[in-house]
Each structure stands twice: as structure tokens, then as C-alpha cells.
Protein backbone atom coordinates (compact mmCIF):
# COMPACT_ATOMS: atom_id res chain seq x y z
CA MET A 1 -13.95 14.02 -2.23
CA LYS A 2 -16.41 13.10 0.49
CA TYR A 3 -15.08 12.62 4.01
CA SER A 4 -15.99 12.67 7.69
CA VAL A 5 -14.13 14.38 10.50
CA ILE A 6 -13.62 13.34 14.11
CA ILE A 7 -13.27 16.27 16.52
CA VAL A 8 -11.59 15.21 19.76
CA ALA A 9 -13.18 17.43 22.41
CA ALA A 10 -13.48 15.38 25.60
CA GLY A 11 -10.53 16.97 27.40
CA LYS A 12 -10.39 19.14 30.49
CA GLY A 13 -9.05 22.64 31.12
CA THR A 14 -6.40 21.57 33.62
CA ARG A 15 -3.27 22.95 31.94
CA THR A 16 -5.09 26.13 30.91
CA GLY A 17 -6.11 26.88 34.49
CA LEU A 18 -9.79 26.71 33.53
CA THR A 19 -12.34 24.89 35.68
CA TYR A 20 -14.29 23.68 32.64
CA ASN A 21 -13.64 22.10 29.24
CA LYS A 22 -11.46 24.53 27.30
CA VAL A 23 -13.48 24.02 24.09
CA PHE A 24 -16.13 26.24 25.70
CA TYR A 25 -13.70 29.10 26.33
CA LYS A 26 -14.74 32.13 24.27
CA ILE A 27 -12.47 33.94 21.83
CA ASN A 28 -14.05 37.20 20.66
CA ASN A 29 -17.26 36.07 22.36
CA GLU A 30 -17.40 32.78 20.44
CA PRO A 31 -16.65 29.34 21.98
CA ILE A 32 -13.51 27.67 20.65
CA ILE A 33 -15.48 24.61 19.54
CA CYS A 34 -17.67 26.74 17.25
CA LYS A 35 -14.60 28.22 15.56
CA THR A 36 -13.09 24.74 15.22
CA LEU A 37 -16.19 23.33 13.55
CA ARG A 38 -16.89 26.16 11.11
CA PRO A 39 -14.69 25.06 8.15
CA PHE A 40 -16.17 21.56 8.32
CA LEU A 41 -19.77 22.72 8.74
CA THR A 42 -19.43 24.85 5.61
CA ASP A 43 -17.61 22.24 3.51
CA GLU A 44 -20.06 20.38 1.28
CA ASP A 45 -17.60 17.48 1.03
CA CYS A 46 -17.77 16.90 4.79
CA GLU A 47 -20.54 14.35 5.26
CA ARG A 48 -20.40 13.85 9.02
CA ILE A 49 -18.80 15.50 12.03
CA VAL A 50 -18.21 13.10 14.91
CA ILE A 51 -17.50 14.98 18.15
CA SER A 52 -15.87 12.99 20.93
CA ILE A 53 -17.19 14.36 24.22
CA ALA A 54 -17.52 13.70 27.94
CA PRO A 55 -20.96 12.16 28.69
CA THR A 56 -21.80 14.94 31.16
CA GLU A 57 -21.30 17.65 28.51
CA GLN A 58 -23.57 16.49 25.69
CA LYS A 59 -26.30 19.02 26.51
CA ASP A 60 -23.70 21.80 26.54
CA PHE A 61 -22.60 20.84 23.04
CA GLU A 62 -26.16 20.44 21.77
CA ASN A 63 -27.04 23.92 23.01
CA LEU A 64 -24.24 25.36 20.85
CA ILE A 65 -24.34 23.14 17.76
CA THR A 66 -27.49 22.29 15.83
CA SER A 67 -26.18 20.98 12.49
CA PRO A 68 -27.63 17.66 11.23
CA LYS A 69 -24.07 16.76 10.20
CA VAL A 70 -23.06 16.41 13.84
CA VAL A 71 -23.16 13.19 15.85
CA TYR A 72 -21.63 12.53 19.24
CA THR A 73 -19.57 9.75 20.74
CA PHE A 74 -18.32 9.48 24.29
CA GLY A 75 -14.56 9.88 24.60
CA GLY A 76 -12.19 7.39 26.17
CA ALA A 77 -9.51 7.64 28.84
CA THR A 78 -6.95 8.90 26.31
CA ARG A 79 -6.99 10.95 23.12
CA GLN A 80 -6.04 7.79 21.21
CA GLU A 81 -9.03 5.91 22.58
CA SER A 82 -11.34 8.84 21.85
CA ALA A 83 -10.26 8.85 18.19
CA TYR A 84 -10.76 5.08 18.02
CA LEU A 85 -14.29 5.34 19.43
CA GLY A 86 -15.05 8.12 16.97
CA LEU A 87 -14.08 5.90 14.05
CA ALA A 88 -16.98 3.59 14.90
CA LYS A 89 -19.36 6.31 13.67
CA VAL A 90 -17.48 7.08 10.44
CA GLU A 91 -19.06 5.70 7.26
CA SER A 92 -17.08 7.73 4.69
CA ASP A 93 -14.13 6.26 2.82
CA TYR A 94 -11.93 9.07 4.12
CA VAL A 95 -11.65 10.69 7.52
CA MET A 96 -9.88 13.61 9.15
CA ILE A 97 -9.03 13.70 12.85
CA HIS A 98 -8.78 17.14 14.42
CA ASP A 99 -8.20 18.68 17.85
CA GLY A 100 -11.24 20.41 19.30
CA VAL A 101 -9.01 23.20 20.62
CA ARG A 102 -7.27 23.98 17.34
CA PRO A 103 -9.69 26.63 16.03
CA PHE A 104 -7.58 28.43 13.42
CA VAL A 105 -7.15 25.88 10.64
CA LYS A 106 -7.75 27.44 7.23
CA LYS A 107 -10.13 26.18 4.57
CA GLU A 108 -7.31 26.02 2.02
CA GLN A 109 -5.36 23.65 4.28
CA ILE A 110 -8.35 21.31 4.42
CA GLU A 111 -8.57 21.48 0.64
CA GLN A 112 -4.89 20.54 0.37
CA LEU A 113 -5.43 17.54 2.62
CA LYS A 114 -8.35 16.41 0.48
CA TYR A 115 -6.23 16.73 -2.64
CA ALA A 116 -3.39 14.76 -1.02
CA LEU A 117 -5.76 11.86 -0.30
CA GLN A 118 -6.34 11.48 -4.02
CA GLN A 119 -2.75 10.24 -4.30
CA ASP A 120 -1.88 8.95 -0.81
CA ASP A 121 -3.69 7.15 1.99
CA ALA A 122 -2.48 9.49 4.76
CA ALA A 123 -1.59 13.16 5.06
CA LEU A 124 -1.06 15.71 7.81
CA LEU A 125 -0.34 19.37 8.38
CA MET A 126 3.16 20.23 9.61
CA VAL A 127 5.29 23.33 10.08
CA PRO A 128 9.11 23.62 10.06
CA LEU A 129 10.71 23.91 13.48
CA ILE A 130 11.95 27.39 14.33
CA ASP A 131 14.11 26.64 17.37
CA THR A 132 17.26 24.55 17.45
CA ILE A 133 16.53 21.04 18.76
CA LYS A 134 18.85 19.27 21.20
CA GLU A 135 18.95 15.64 22.27
CA VAL A 136 19.32 15.51 26.04
CA THR A 137 20.51 12.64 28.24
CA ASP A 138 20.73 12.84 32.03
CA GLY A 139 20.34 16.59 31.97
CA TYR A 140 23.05 17.26 29.36
CA ALA A 141 22.75 18.22 25.70
CA ILE A 142 24.54 15.54 23.67
CA HIS A 143 23.48 16.05 20.05
CA THR A 144 22.05 18.67 17.71
CA PRO A 145 20.15 17.16 14.76
CA LYS A 146 19.70 19.06 11.53
CA ARG A 147 16.74 21.31 12.13
CA GLU A 148 15.67 21.24 8.48
CA ASN A 149 14.85 17.53 8.83
CA TYR A 150 12.32 18.09 11.61
CA PHE A 151 8.78 19.47 11.52
CA ALA A 152 6.06 19.96 14.12
CA ALA A 153 2.85 18.00 13.51
CA GLN A 154 -0.56 19.65 13.57
CA THR A 155 -4.13 18.61 12.89
CA PRO A 156 -6.26 17.90 10.94
CA GLN A 157 -4.62 14.64 9.97
CA ALA A 158 -6.30 12.85 7.07
CA PHE A 159 -6.54 9.16 6.23
CA LYS A 160 -8.21 6.53 4.17
CA THR A 161 -10.67 5.27 6.76
CA SER A 162 -9.83 1.60 6.34
CA LEU A 163 -6.13 2.38 6.95
CA ILE A 164 -6.47 4.38 10.15
CA ARG A 165 -9.13 2.00 11.48
CA TYR A 166 -6.75 -0.94 10.92
CA CYS A 167 -3.91 0.93 12.65
CA HIS A 168 -6.09 1.74 15.67
CA GLU A 169 -7.22 -1.88 15.89
CA GLU A 170 -3.59 -3.03 15.84
CA ALA A 171 -2.67 -0.47 18.49
CA ARG A 172 -5.26 -1.95 20.83
CA LYS A 173 -3.30 -5.22 20.68
CA HIS A 174 -0.19 -3.34 21.83
CA PRO A 175 -1.14 -1.23 24.87
CA GLU A 176 2.53 -0.54 25.53
CA ILE A 177 2.55 1.76 22.47
CA ILE A 178 1.02 5.15 23.24
CA ALA A 179 0.84 7.30 20.12
CA SER A 180 1.10 11.07 20.43
CA ASP A 181 -0.98 11.46 17.27
CA ASP A 182 -2.84 9.32 14.76
CA ALA A 183 -0.13 9.60 12.11
CA MET A 184 2.23 7.82 14.51
CA LEU A 185 -0.06 4.79 14.41
CA CYS A 186 0.36 4.69 10.63
CA GLU A 187 4.14 4.88 11.06
CA VAL A 188 4.14 1.97 13.51
CA PHE A 189 1.45 -0.32 12.10
CA SER A 190 1.54 0.24 8.33
CA ASP A 191 3.80 0.88 5.38
CA ALA A 192 1.69 3.81 4.18
CA ARG A 193 3.48 6.94 3.10
CA ILE A 194 2.27 10.00 5.00
CA LYS A 195 2.12 13.09 2.83
CA VAL A 196 3.25 16.33 4.49
CA ILE A 197 1.18 19.45 3.84
CA GLU A 198 2.60 22.75 5.05
CA GLY A 199 0.46 24.10 7.85
CA SER A 200 0.46 27.50 9.52
CA TYR A 201 2.06 28.77 12.72
CA ASP A 202 -1.33 30.35 13.42
CA ASN A 203 -2.91 26.89 13.62
CA ILE A 204 -2.15 26.60 17.31
CA LYS A 205 -3.54 24.10 19.78
CA ILE A 206 -4.82 25.88 22.86
CA THR A 207 -3.22 23.84 25.61
CA THR A 208 -1.68 25.94 28.38
CA LYS A 209 -2.50 28.91 30.58
CA LYS A 210 -0.18 31.00 28.39
CA ASP A 211 -2.29 30.15 25.31
CA ILE A 212 -5.40 31.39 27.12
CA GLN A 213 -3.61 34.47 28.46
CA GLN A 214 -2.72 35.75 25.00
CA PHE A 215 -6.42 35.94 24.15
CA GLU A 216 -7.25 37.60 27.49
CA ASP A 217 -4.54 40.19 26.79
CA SER A 218 -5.99 40.87 23.33
CA LYS A 219 -9.31 41.85 24.93
CA GLU A 220 -7.71 44.65 26.95
């Protein structure tokens, strides 16, 4: 199944304590973005990799990545807008949307997403919650939902391109709705069923200073 992937990589390193885009942080002497791209660069079914970037960083990306699969688009003010702008450069019937700082996704998980799209128009990686979840109001815990009913969403998230493009277009008509991921747009603006594929707890998103610190500690 042929597909394209949008890599959202226009963020900053603010919460990590870095003074530069965290996709350039090196793990075992390799930039995060290179690790993130590898399973897509080596997948013959992946026709195009659209990387959403800050305009000032295009040369930095081009110095690291030379594949003819790769095209660039400038990111927007939010992750949601960056994904939307990336969709303009997608020509495949199917698309995955992935975080630039989630470098540990496994090839078999991508294969499972591709298989899911043969039956459904949307699919995403998720892992069961480990901790007990509490609903909190005014600083007090008021309810404990059944943990087995709740999962944590990851990326890549995979879609029929026409579906996710429609949902993003609808979202632009409703600026009061800010989606935390692309699957949420499908929940709000379509009736599509979203297939859950079990992800991995190793498929972390590098977001905070603590995430960076664990890799610094591993170098010691």
C-alpha cells in the first residue's frame, strides 16, 4: 500500500531546555530527526516524506537529509496547522502523520498501520495506561474511571488522505476547536472508525528536559 508521511518538525526546544530545535539533538551521535525518518526512508511503500519545518532551518535539514523522497513545507503557528500545511504536498491516497521527535517507532508498527488502512480509513498507535487516572475538579479528585477503557495515543497516525484533509478543512472553520492530535479531528468532524494498533512504551515523544536527561545519563 503506497502512502506518504508528514513529519511535524517545526517545534522548538523550550521544554527540553535546549536552545535549538530538539530534532537536531543527538542520540548516540545521531540527530533525532535522522532516527525518526529511517523507517520511512527504507520503506518502499512510502512515496513521499513531507517535513514541516521552520523557514530558517531548511539548510540545516538539507545538510542532514539528501533523499529524493523528502520535500519540505513551512510549519504553522500550531502543530495542527503544520499538519494541515503538510497535507497540501501529499499526493498519495493514504498518509501518516508523525512527530519529528518520536524516533523509536518500529517498522512492524508501521506495517500494522498499513494493514489497518486496508479495512479502515483511520488508525493510530496506542498503549494501555499504566497509572490510575483521576478526574479532578477545583483541586480535588472526584472520580476514578476504569483504567482498562483508556489508552495513550502515539504517532504515527494513519488516514485515508481525503478523510483527514476534509477533517482539517472543517477544523479551520471552527477555530475554537484545538485538537491535541489528528485523530481527534476525525472524532469531531467525521463518523470514521479509528482502528487502534498497539504501540510500544519505547515509542516515546521527546518533549521535556527529563526526556533529554535520560539520554545524557546513558552516555556516562
